[in-house]
PDB file of N, CA and C in Angstrom:
ATOM      1  N   UNK A   1       0.844  -1.187   0.000  1.00  0.00           N
ATOM      2  CA  UNK A   1       0.000   0.000   0.000  1.00  0.00           C
ATOM      3  C   UNK A   1       0.880   1.237   0.000  1.00  0.00           C
ATOM      4  N   UNK A   2       0.464   2.254  -0.703  1.00  0.00           N
ATOM      5  CA  UNK A   2       1.236   3.480  -0.813  1.00  0.00           C
ATOM      6  C   UNK A   2       0.515   4.658  -0.186  1.00  0.00           C
ATOM      7  N   UNK A   3       1.292   5.694   0.187  1.00  0.00           N
ATOM      8  CA  UNK A   3       0.720   6.948   0.676  1.00  0.00           C
ATOM      9  C   UNK A   3      -0.190   6.751   1.851  1.00  0.00           C
ATOM     10  N   UNK A   4      -1.418   7.215   1.705  1.00  0.00           N
ATOM     11  CA  UNK A   4      -2.378   7.107   2.800  1.00  0.00           C
ATOM     12  C   UNK A   4      -3.318   5.918   2.618  1.00  0.00           C
ATOM     13  N   UNK A   5      -2.851   4.888   1.922  1.00  0.00           N
ATOM     14  CA  UNK A   5      -3.666   3.686   1.720  1.00  0.00           C
ATOM     15  C   UNK A   5      -3.926   3.004   3.057  1.00  0.00           C
ATOM     16  N   UNK A   6      -5.089   2.403   3.171  1.00  0.00           N
ATOM     17  CA  UNK A   6      -5.494   1.776   4.430  1.00  0.00           C
ATOM     18  C   UNK A   6      -6.363   0.562   4.153  1.00  0.00           C
ATOM     19  N   UNK A   7      -6.544  -0.231   5.198  1.00  0.00           N
ATOM     20  CA  UNK A   7      -7.411  -1.407   5.147  1.00  0.00           C
ATOM     21  C   UNK A   7      -8.478  -1.279   6.230  1.00  0.00           C
ATOM     22  N   UNK A   8      -9.654  -1.795   5.951  1.00  0.00           N
ATOM     23  CA  UNK A   8     -10.727  -1.886   6.929  1.00  0.00           C
ATOM     24  C   UNK A   8     -10.758  -3.311   7.452  1.00  0.00           C
ATOM     25  N   UNK A   9     -10.724  -3.451   8.759  1.00  0.00           N
ATOM     26  CA  UNK A   9     -10.861  -4.759   9.383  1.00  0.00           C
ATOM     27  C   UNK A   9     -12.120  -4.779  10.227  1.00  0.00           C
ATOM     28  N   UNK A  10     -12.901  -5.841  10.109  1.00  0.00           N
ATOM     29  CA  UNK A  10     -14.151  -5.959  10.853  1.00  0.00           C
ATOM     30  C   UNK A  10     -14.143  -7.288  11.607  1.00  0.00           C
ATOM     31  N   UNK A  11     -14.478  -7.242  12.889  1.00  0.00           N
ATOM     32  CA  UNK A  11     -14.547  -8.435  13.734  1.00  0.00           C
ATOM     33  C   UNK A  11     -15.994  -8.596  14.197  1.00  0.00           C
ATOM     34  N   UNK A  12     -16.640  -9.678  13.775  1.00  0.00           N
ATOM     35  CA  UNK A  12     -18.026  -9.947  14.147  1.00  0.00           C
ATOM     36  C   UNK A  12     -18.034 -11.130  15.104  1.00  0.00           C
ATOM     37  N   UNK A  13     -18.321 -10.863  16.350  1.00  0.00           N
ATOM     38  CA  UNK A  13     -18.352 -11.912  17.357  1.00  0.00           C
ATOM     39  C   UNK A  13     -19.708 -12.013  18.023  1.00  0.00           C
ATOM     40  N   UNK A  14     -19.825 -12.961  18.906  1.00  0.00           N
ATOM     41  CA  UNK A  14     -21.094 -13.203  19.588  1.00  0.00           C
ATOM     42  C   UNK A  14     -21.475 -12.135  20.593  1.00  0.00           C
ATOM     43  N   UNK A  15     -20.500 -11.363  21.070  1.00  0.00           N
ATOM     44  CA  UNK A  15     -20.807 -10.329  22.066  1.00  0.00           C
ATOM     45  C   UNK A  15     -20.496  -8.917  21.604  1.00  0.00           C
ATOM     46  N   UNK A  16     -19.543  -8.774  20.649  1.00  0.00           N
ATOM     47  CA  UNK A  16     -19.215  -7.438  20.158  1.00  0.00           C
ATOM     48  C   UNK A  16     -18.876  -7.481  18.683  1.00  0.00           C
ATOM     49  N   UNK A  17     -19.042  -6.328  18.063  1.00  0.00           N
ATOM     50  CA  UNK A  17     -18.618  -6.108  16.685  1.00  0.00           C
ATOM     51  C   UNK A  17     -17.678  -4.915  16.732  1.00  0.00           C
ATOM     52  N   UNK A  18     -16.512  -5.052  16.113  1.00  0.00           N
ATOM     53  CA  UNK A  18     -15.542  -3.970  16.085  1.00  0.00           C
ATOM     54  C   UNK A  18     -15.044  -3.782  14.664  1.00  0.00           C
ATOM     55  N   UNK A  19     -14.684  -2.556  14.333  1.00  0.00           N
ATOM     56  CA  UNK A  19     -14.103  -2.259  13.031  1.00  0.00           C
ATOM     57  C   UNK A  19     -13.010  -1.225  13.210  1.00  0.00           C
ATOM     58  N   UNK A  20     -11.950  -1.378  12.434  1.00  0.00           N
ATOM     59  CA  UNK A  20     -10.856  -0.417  12.468  1.00  0.00           C
ATOM     60  C   UNK A  20     -10.357  -0.176  11.056  1.00  0.00           C
ATOM     61  N   UNK A  21      -9.937   1.050  10.815  1.00  0.00           N
ATOM     62  CA  UNK A  21      -9.251   1.398   9.577  1.00  0.00           C
ATOM     63  C   UNK A  21      -7.803   1.652   9.970  1.00  0.00           C
ATOM     64  N   UNK A  22      -6.900   0.908   9.330  1.00  0.00           N
ATOM     65  CA  UNK A  22      -5.484   0.964   9.679  1.00  0.00           C
ATOM     66  C   UNK A  22      -4.683   1.302   8.429  1.00  0.00           C
ATOM     67  N   UNK A  23      -3.794   2.292   8.558  1.00  0.00           N
ATOM     68  CA  UNK A  23      -2.972   2.700   7.429  1.00  0.00           C
ATOM     69  C   UNK A  23      -1.845   1.705   7.198  1.00  0.00           C
ATOM     70  N   UNK A  24      -1.189   1.825   6.068  1.00  0.00           N
ATOM     71  CA  UNK A  24      -0.112   0.906   5.714  1.00  0.00           C
ATOM     72  C   UNK A  24       1.065   0.982   6.674  1.00  0.00           C
ATOM     73  N   UNK A  25       1.196   2.097   7.402  1.00  0.00           N
ATOM     74  CA  UNK A  25       2.269   2.189   8.391  1.00  0.00           C
ATOM     75  C   UNK A  25       1.797   1.845   9.803  1.00  0.00           C
ATOM     76  N   UNK A  26       0.588   1.272   9.914  1.00  0.00           N
ATOM     77  CA  UNK A  26       0.108   0.747  11.185  1.00  0.00           C
ATOM     78  C   UNK A  26      -0.674   1.687  12.073  1.00  0.00           C
ATOM     79  N   UNK A  27      -1.007   2.868  11.603  1.00  0.00           N
ATOM     80  CA  UNK A  27      -1.787   3.805  12.418  1.00  0.00           C
ATOM     81  C   UNK A  27      -3.288   3.526  12.291  1.00  0.00           C
ATOM     82  N   UNK A  28      -3.956   3.468  13.423  1.00  0.00           N
ATOM     83  CA  UNK A  28      -5.409   3.312  13.427  1.00  0.00           C
ATOM     84  C   UNK A  28      -6.011   4.695  13.230  1.00  0.00           C
ATOM     85  N   UNK A  29      -6.733   4.875  12.121  1.00  0.00           N
ATOM     86  CA  UNK A  29      -7.306   6.179  11.808  1.00  0.00           C
ATOM     87  C   UNK A  29      -8.829   6.184  11.914  1.00  0.00           C
ATOM     88  N   UNK A  30      -9.398   5.056  12.256  1.00  0.00           N
ATOM     89  CA  UNK A  30     -10.839   4.961  12.481  1.00  0.00           C
ATOM     90  C   UNK A  30     -11.141   3.722  13.294  1.00  0.00           C
ATOM     91  N   UNK A  31     -12.026   3.847  14.260  1.00  0.00           N
ATOM     92  CA  UNK A  31     -12.383   2.698  15.097  1.00  0.00           C
ATOM     93  C   UNK A  31     -13.793   2.868  15.622  1.00  0.00           C
ATOM     94  N   UNK A  32     -14.526   1.756  15.678  1.00  0.00           N
ATOM     95  CA  UNK A  32     -15.848   1.754  16.296  1.00  0.00           C
ATOM     96  C   UNK A  32     -16.109   0.353  16.828  1.00  0.00           C
ATOM     97  N   UNK A  33     -16.866   0.290  17.894  1.00  0.00           N
ATOM     98  CA  UNK A  33     -17.227  -1.007  18.499  1.00  0.00           C
ATOM     99  C   UNK A  33     -18.595  -0.886  19.133  1.00  0.00           C
ATOM    100  N   UNK A  34     -19.399  -1.931  18.969  1.00  0.00           N
ATOM    101  CA  UNK A  34     -20.738  -1.960  19.571  1.00  0.00           C
ATOM    102  C   UNK A  34     -21.086  -3.394  19.957  1.00  0.00           C
ATOM    103  N   UNK A  35     -22.103  -3.502  20.754  1.00  0.00           N
ATOM    104  CA  UNK A  35     -22.623  -4.793  21.193  1.00  0.00           C
ATOM    105  C   UNK A  35     -23.256  -5.522  20.005  1.00  0.00           C
ATOM    106  N   UNK A  36     -23.065  -6.829  19.929  1.00  0.00           N
ATOM    107  CA  UNK A  36     -23.697  -7.636  18.885  1.00  0.00           C
ATOM    108  C   UNK A  36     -25.146  -7.942  19.278  1.00  0.00           C
ATOM    109  N   UNK A  37     -26.111  -7.578  18.440  1.00  0.00           N
ATOM    110  CA  UNK A  37     -27.513  -7.885  18.741  1.00  0.00           C
ATOM    111  C   UNK A  37     -27.864  -9.328  18.351  1.00  0.00           C
ATOM    112  N   UNK A  38     -27.116 -10.271  18.899  1.00  0.00           N
ATOM    113  CA  UNK A  38     -27.222 -11.681  18.496  1.00  0.00           C
ATOM    114  C   UNK A  38     -28.632 -12.237  18.636  1.00  0.00           C
ATOM    115  N   UNK A  39     -29.316 -11.883  19.711  1.00  0.00           N
ATOM    116  CA  UNK A  39     -30.657 -12.420  19.955  1.00  0.00           C
ATOM    117  C   UNK A  39     -31.677 -11.944  18.925  1.00  0.00           C
ATOM    118  N   UNK A  40     -31.333 -10.885  18.179  1.00  0.00           N
ATOM    119  CA  UNK A  40     -32.257 -10.339  17.180  1.00  0.00           C
ATOM    120  C   UNK A  40     -32.114 -10.978  15.805  1.00  0.00           C
ATOM    121  N   UNK A  41     -31.178 -11.936  15.666  1.00  0.00           N
ATOM    122  CA  UNK A  41     -31.034 -12.670  14.411  1.00  0.00           C
ATOM    123  C   UNK A  41     -29.956 -12.119  13.494  1.00  0.00           C
ATOM    124  N   UNK A  42     -29.717 -12.863  12.436  1.00  0.00           N
ATOM    125  CA  UNK A  42     -28.600 -12.549  11.540  1.00  0.00           C
ATOM    126  C   UNK A  42     -28.753 -11.215  10.819  1.00  0.00           C
ATOM    127  N   UNK A  43     -29.968 -10.855  10.440  1.00  0.00           N
ATOM    128  CA  UNK A  43     -30.156  -9.570   9.751  1.00  0.00           C
ATOM    129  C   UNK A  43     -29.758  -8.406  10.637  1.00  0.00           C
ATOM    130  N   UNK A  44     -30.103  -8.479  11.919  1.00  0.00           N
ATOM    131  CA  UNK A  44     -29.730  -7.423  12.856  1.00  0.00           C
ATOM    132  C   UNK A  44     -28.218  -7.374  13.057  1.00  0.00           C
ATOM    133  N   UNK A  45     -27.594  -8.542  13.104  1.00  0.00           N
ATOM    134  CA  UNK A  45     -26.132  -8.599  13.260  1.00  0.00           C
ATOM    135  C   UNK A  45     -25.458  -7.976  12.047  1.00  0.00           C
ATOM    136  N   UNK A  46     -25.925  -8.316  10.850  1.00  0.00           N
ATOM    137  CA  UNK A  46     -25.372  -7.756   9.619  1.00  0.00           C
ATOM    138  C   UNK A  46     -25.532  -6.239   9.604  1.00  0.00           C
ATOM    139  N   UNK A  47     -26.706  -5.751   9.914  1.00  0.00           N
ATOM    140  CA  UNK A  47     -26.935  -4.303   9.917  1.00  0.00           C
ATOM    141  C   UNK A  47     -26.035  -3.593  10.916  1.00  0.00           C
ATOM    142  N   UNK A  48     -25.854  -4.200  12.090  1.00  0.00           N
ATOM    143  CA  UNK A  48     -24.977  -3.599  13.092  1.00  0.00           C
ATOM    144  C   UNK A  48     -23.526  -3.610  12.619  1.00  0.00           C
ATOM    145  N   UNK A  49     -23.095  -4.697  11.985  1.00  0.00           N
ATOM    146  CA  UNK A  49     -21.732  -4.780  11.469  1.00  0.00           C
ATOM    147  C   UNK A  49     -21.482  -3.709  10.407  1.00  0.00           C
ATOM    148  N   UNK A  50     -22.448  -3.505   9.538  1.00  0.00           N
ATOM    149  CA  UNK A  50     -22.308  -2.457   8.527  1.00  0.00           C
ATOM    150  C   UNK A  50     -22.274  -1.075   9.163  1.00  0.00           C
ATOM    151  N   UNK A  51     -23.080  -0.851  10.181  1.00  0.00           N
ATOM    152  CA  UNK A  51     -23.083   0.427  10.894  1.00  0.00           C
ATOM    153  C   UNK A  51     -21.735   0.691  11.546  1.00  0.00           C
ATOM    154  N   UNK A  52     -21.187  -0.327  12.197  1.00  0.00           N
ATOM    155  CA  UNK A  52     -19.890  -0.204  12.861  1.00  0.00           C
ATOM    156  C   UNK A  52     -18.799   0.085  11.829  1.00  0.00           C
ATOM    157  N   UNK A  53     -18.815  -0.636  10.713  1.00  0.00           N
ATOM    158  CA  UNK A  53     -17.823  -0.421   9.660  1.00  0.00           C
ATOM    159  C   UNK A  53     -17.926   0.982   9.081  1.00  0.00           C
ATOM    160  N   UNK A  54     -19.133   1.433   8.817  1.00  0.00           N
ATOM    161  CA  UNK A  54     -19.321   2.781   8.262  1.00  0.00           C
ATOM    162  C   UNK A  54     -18.839   3.856   9.230  1.00  0.00           C
ATOM    163  N   UNK A  55     -19.055   3.653  10.521  1.00  0.00           N
ATOM    164  CA  UNK A  55     -18.602   4.623  11.522  1.00  0.00           C
ATOM    165  C   UNK A  55     -17.077   4.693  11.556  1.00  0.00           C
ATOM    166  N   UNK A  56     -16.408   3.550  11.466  1.00  0.00           N
ATOM    167  CA  UNK A  56     -14.937   3.542  11.427  1.00  0.00           C
ATOM    168  C   UNK A  56     -14.441   4.227  10.161  1.00  0.00           C
ATOM    169  N   UNK A  57     -15.084   3.961   9.039  1.00  0.00           N
ATOM    170  CA  UNK A  57     -14.702   4.591   7.781  1.00  0.00           C
ATOM    171  C   UNK A  57     -14.898   6.107   7.837  1.00  0.00           C
ATOM    172  N   UNK A  58     -15.962   6.555   8.468  1.00  0.00           N
ATOM    173  CA  UNK A  58     -16.246   7.989   8.556  1.00  0.00           C
ATOM    174  C   UNK A  58     -15.162   8.738   9.329  1.00  0.00           C
ATOM    175  N   UNK A  59     -14.514   8.074  10.263  1.00  0.00           N
ATOM    176  CA  UNK A  59     -13.444   8.706  11.045  1.00  0.00           C
ATOM    177  C   UNK A  59     -12.144   8.804  10.254  1.00  0.00           C
ATOM    178  N   UNK A  60     -12.030   8.074   9.186  1.00  0.00           N
ATOM    179  CA  UNK A  60     -10.775   7.993   8.443  1.00  0.00           C
ATOM    180  C   UNK A  60     -10.890   8.703   7.100  1.00  0.00           C
ATOM    181  N   UNK A  61     -11.385   9.922   7.131  1.00  0.00           N
ATOM    182  CA  UNK A  61     -11.742  10.651   5.913  1.00  0.00           C
ATOM    183  C   UNK A  61     -10.630  10.748   4.874  1.00  0.00           C
ATOM    184  N   UNK A  62      -9.376  10.900   5.282  1.00  0.00           N
ATOM    185  CA  UNK A  62      -8.319  11.096   4.286  1.00  0.00           C
ATOM    186  C   UNK A  62      -7.605   9.804   3.896  1.00  0.00           C
ATOM    187  N   UNK A  63      -8.000   8.688   4.470  1.00  0.00           N
ATOM    188  CA  UNK A  63      -7.369   7.412   4.131  1.00  0.00           C
ATOM    189  C   UNK A  63      -8.050   6.801   2.909  1.00  0.00           C
ATOM    190  N   UNK A  64      -7.240   6.283   2.010  1.00  0.00           N
ATOM    191  CA  UNK A  64      -7.757   5.607   0.825  1.00  0.00           C
ATOM    192  C   UNK A  64      -7.867   4.119   1.140  1.00  0.00           C
ATOM    193  N   UNK A  65      -9.066   3.677   1.489  1.00  0.00           N
ATOM    194  CA  UNK A  65      -9.268   2.277   1.859  1.00  0.00           C
ATOM    195  C   UNK A  65      -9.239   1.431   0.589  1.00  0.00           C
ATOM    196  N   UNK A  66      -8.313   0.467   0.576  1.00  0.00           N
ATOM    197  CA  UNK A  66      -8.107  -0.346  -0.615  1.00  0.00           C
ATOM    198  C   UNK A  66      -8.581  -1.790  -0.449  1.00  0.00           C
ATOM    199  N   UNK A  67      -9.054  -2.142   0.753  1.00  0.00           N
ATOM    200  CA  UNK A  67      -9.528  -3.500   0.963  1.00  0.00           C
ATOM    201  C   UNK A  67     -10.173  -3.665   2.320  1.00  0.00           C
ATOM    202  N   UNK A  68     -10.769  -4.830   2.502  1.00  0.00           N
ATOM    203  CA  UNK A  68     -11.485  -5.124   3.745  1.00  0.00           C
ATOM    204  C   UNK A  68     -11.269  -6.586   4.111  1.00  0.00           C
ATOM    205  N   UNK A  69     -11.005  -6.809   5.383  1.00  0.00           N
ATOM    206  CA  UNK A  69     -10.916  -8.164   5.905  1.00  0.00           C
ATOM    207  C   UNK A  69     -11.952  -8.339   6.989  1.00  0.00           C
ATOM    208  N   UNK A  70     -12.586  -9.493   7.041  1.00  0.00           N
ATOM    209  CA  UNK A  70     -13.640  -9.742   8.018  1.00  0.00           C
ATOM    210  C   UNK A  70     -13.322 -11.014   8.783  1.00  0.00           C
ATOM    211  N   UNK A  71     -13.326 -10.897  10.095  1.00  0.00           N
ATOM    212  CA  UNK A  71     -13.219 -12.065  10.952  1.00  0.00           C
ATOM    213  C   UNK A  71     -14.581 -12.257  11.598  1.00  0.00           C
ATOM    214  N   UNK A  72     -15.041 -13.483  11.657  1.00  0.00           N
ATOM    215  CA  UNK A  72     -16.371 -13.712  12.201  1.00  0.00           C
ATOM    216  C   UNK A  72     -16.441 -15.029  12.967  1.00  0.00           C
ATOM    217  N   UNK A  73     -17.339 -15.056  13.900  1.00  0.00           N
ATOM    218  CA  UNK A  73     -17.628 -16.298  14.611  1.00  0.00           C
ATOM    219  C   UNK A  73     -18.224 -17.282  13.619  1.00  0.00           C
ATOM    220  N   UNK A  74     -17.973 -18.547  13.840  1.00  0.00           N
ATOM    221  CA  UNK A  74     -18.512 -19.581  12.962  1.00  0.00           C
ATOM    222  C   UNK A  74     -17.477 -20.053  11.962  1.00  0.00           C
ATOM    223  N   UNK A  75     -17.893 -20.972  11.127  1.00  0.00           N
ATOM    224  CA  UNK A  75     -17.038 -21.502  10.068  1.00  0.00           C
ATOM    225  C   UNK A  75     -17.450 -20.844   8.764  1.00  0.00           C
ATOM    226  N   UNK A  76     -16.455 -20.322   8.041  1.00  0.00           N
ATOM    227  CA  UNK A  76     -16.717 -19.602   6.796  1.00  0.00           C
ATOM    228  C   UNK A  76     -16.111 -20.384   5.642  1.00  0.00           C
ATOM    229  N   UNK A  77     -16.884 -20.568   4.566  1.00  0.00           N
ATOM    230  CA  UNK A  77     -16.332 -21.263   3.407  1.00  0.00           C
ATOM    231  C   UNK A  77     -15.515 -20.301   2.555  1.00  0.00           C
ATOM    232  N   UNK A  78     -14.919 -20.801   1.492  1.00  0.00           N
ATOM    233  CA  UNK A  78     -14.042 -19.980   0.657  1.00  0.00           C
ATOM    234  C   UNK A  78     -14.781 -18.897  -0.124  1.00  0.00           C
ATOM    235  N   UNK A  79     -16.095 -18.936  -0.115  1.00  0.00           N
ATOM    236  CA  UNK A  79     -16.900 -17.924  -0.805  1.00  0.00           C
ATOM    237  C   UNK A  79     -17.432 -16.861   0.144  1.00  0.00           C
ATOM    238  N   UNK A  80     -17.126 -16.979   1.441  1.00  0.00           N
ATOM    239  CA  UNK A  80     -17.564 -15.987   2.410  1.00  0.00           C
ATOM    240  C   UNK A  80     -18.901 -16.266   3.050  1.00  0.00           C
ATOM    241  N   UNK A  81     -19.382 -17.507   2.945  1.00  0.00           N
ATOM    242  CA  UNK A  81     -20.673 -17.886   3.520  1.00  0.00           C
ATOM    243  C   UNK A  81     -20.433 -18.645   4.828  1.00  0.00           C
ATOM    244  N   UNK A  82     -21.177 -18.288   5.857  1.00  0.00           N
ATOM    245  CA  UNK A  82     -21.089 -18.984   7.133  1.00  0.00           C
ATOM    246  C   UNK A  82     -21.723 -20.360   6.961  1.00  0.00           C
ATOM    247  N   UNK A  83     -20.944 -21.417   7.180  1.00  0.00           N
ATOM    248  CA  UNK A  83     -21.490 -22.771   7.015  1.00  0.00           C
ATOM    249  C   UNK A  83     -21.942 -23.369   8.338  1.00  0.00           C
ATOM    250  N   UNK A  84     -21.299 -23.008   9.431  1.00  0.00           N
ATOM    251  CA  UNK A  84     -21.658 -23.511  10.753  1.00  0.00           C
ATOM    252  C   UNK A  84     -21.466 -22.392  11.769  1.00  0.00           C
ATOM    253  N   UNK A  85     -22.337 -22.327  12.752  1.00  0.00           N
ATOM    254  CA  UNK A  85     -22.227 -21.325  13.806  1.00  0.00           C
ATOM    255  C   UNK A  85     -22.771 -21.904  15.105  1.00  0.00           C
ATOM    256  N   UNK A  86     -22.310 -21.351  16.196  1.00  0.00           N
ATOM    257  CA  UNK A  86     -22.797 -21.787  17.505  1.00  0.00           C
ATOM    258  C   UNK A  86     -24.075 -21.043  17.858  1.00  0.00           C
ATOM    259  N   UNK A  87     -24.630 -21.401  18.985  1.00  0.00           N
ATOM    260  CA  UNK A  87     -25.859 -20.745  19.444  1.00  0.00           C
ATOM    261  C   UNK A  87     -25.612 -19.300  19.883  1.00  0.00           C
ATOM    262  N   UNK A  88     -24.345 -18.878  19.933  1.00  0.00           N
ATOM    263  CA  UNK A  88     -24.051 -17.479  20.282  1.00  0.00           C
ATOM    264  C   UNK A  88     -24.593 -16.513  19.232  1.00  0.00           C
ATOM    265  N   UNK A  89     -24.713 -16.993  17.987  1.00  0.00           N
ATOM    266  CA  UNK A  89     -25.266 -16.179  16.898  1.00  0.00           C
ATOM    267  C   UNK A  89     -26.368 -16.970  16.198  1.00  0.00           C
ATOM    268  N   UNK A  90     -27.581 -16.961  16.764  1.00  0.00           N
ATOM    269  CA  UNK A  90     -28.694 -17.711  16.176  1.00  0.00           C
ATOM    270  C   UNK A  90     -28.980 -17.266  14.741  1.00  0.00           C
ATOM    271  N   UNK A  91     -29.117 -18.211  13.835  1.00  0.00           N
ATOM    272  CA  UNK A  91     -29.442 -17.902  12.445  1.00  0.00           C
ATOM    273  C   UNK A  91     -28.251 -17.438  11.624  1.00  0.00           C
ATOM    274  N   UNK A  92     -27.050 -17.482  12.188  1.00  0.00           N
ATOM    275  CA  UNK A  92     -25.868 -16.979  11.495  1.00  0.00           C
ATOM    276  C   UNK A  92     -25.462 -17.893  10.336  1.00  0.00           C
ATOM    277  N   UNK A  93     -25.627 -19.205  10.500  1.00  0.00           N
ATOM    278  CA  UNK A  93     -25.292 -20.138   9.417  1.00  0.00           C
ATOM    279  C   UNK A  93     -26.113 -19.794   8.174  1.00  0.00           C
ATOM    280  N   UNK A  94     -25.442 -19.772   7.028  1.00  0.00           N
ATOM    281  CA  UNK A  94     -26.095 -19.419   5.772  1.00  0.00           C
ATOM    282  C   UNK A  94     -25.915 -17.968   5.377  1.00  0.00           C
ATOM    283  N   UNK A  95     -25.408 -17.134   6.281  1.00  0.00           N
ATOM    284  CA  UNK A  95     -25.200 -15.720   5.978  1.00  0.00           C
ATOM    285  C   UNK A  95     -24.021 -15.564   5.026  1.00  0.00           C
ATOM    286  N   UNK A  96     -24.207 -14.810   3.954  1.00  0.00           N
ATOM    287  CA  UNK A  96     -23.157 -14.560   2.972  1.00  0.00           C
ATOM    288  C   UNK A  96     -22.471 -13.238   3.307  1.00  0.00           C
ATOM    289  N   UNK A  97     -21.518 -13.302   4.216  1.00  0.00           N
ATOM    290  CA  UNK A  97     -20.855 -12.103   4.723  1.00  0.00           C
ATOM    291  C   UNK A  97     -20.097 -11.382   3.618  1.00  0.00           C
ATOM    292  N   UNK A  98     -19.419 -12.124   2.779  1.00  0.00           N
ATOM    293  CA  UNK A  98     -18.644 -11.512   1.704  1.00  0.00           C
ATOM    294  C   UNK A  98     -19.541 -10.681   0.781  1.00  0.00           C
ATOM    295  N   UNK A  99     -20.633 -11.253   0.342  1.00  0.00           N
ATOM    296  CA  UNK A  99     -21.523 -10.544  -0.573  1.00  0.00           C
ATOM    297  C   UNK A  99     -22.103  -9.296   0.073  1.00  0.00           C
ATOM    298  N   UNK A 100     -22.446  -9.386   1.337  1.00  0.00           N
ATOM    299  CA  UNK A 100     -23.037  -8.239   2.032  1.00  0.00           C
ATOM    300  C   UNK A 100     -22.055  -7.082   2.089  1.00  0.00           C
ATOM    301  N   UNK A 101     -20.800  -7.365   2.454  1.00  0.00           N
ATOM    302  CA  UNK A 101     -19.809  -6.305   2.544  1.00  0.00           C
ATOM    303  C   UNK A 101     -19.346  -5.850   1.170  1.00  0.00           C
ATOM    304  N   UNK A 102     -19.388  -6.731   0.204  1.00  0.00           N
ATOM    305  CA  UNK A 102     -19.020  -6.338  -1.154  1.00  0.00           C
ATOM    306  C   UNK A 102     -19.970  -5.285  -1.700  1.00  0.00           C
ATOM    307  N   UNK A 103     -21.255  -5.458  -1.404  1.00  0.00           N
ATOM    308  CA  UNK A 103     -22.256  -4.474  -1.845  1.00  0.00           C
ATOM    309  C   UNK A 103     -22.014  -3.167  -1.163  1.00  0.00           C
TER     310      UNK A 103
END
């Protein structure tokens, strides 16, 4: 990555969702974290994850975000779909995380 290039990282867990924008030299230029609304189902979790990511991005106005990495609870296949999940995230299995964030 060159200049002010940065990456967005998103962590979706059973109790919290966090997102950070980090520059190529390791500076965190945007961060947000909120409680995971796990009991409200996968759609609520996805919406909260997008909200958290957008808030982190909004703090990093001058960074050129060139990519995104997502860590999530459960087992993810090579296409970005949750294949297995624990009861910590009801309804999470079958969620296409990659497609949601790609949009």
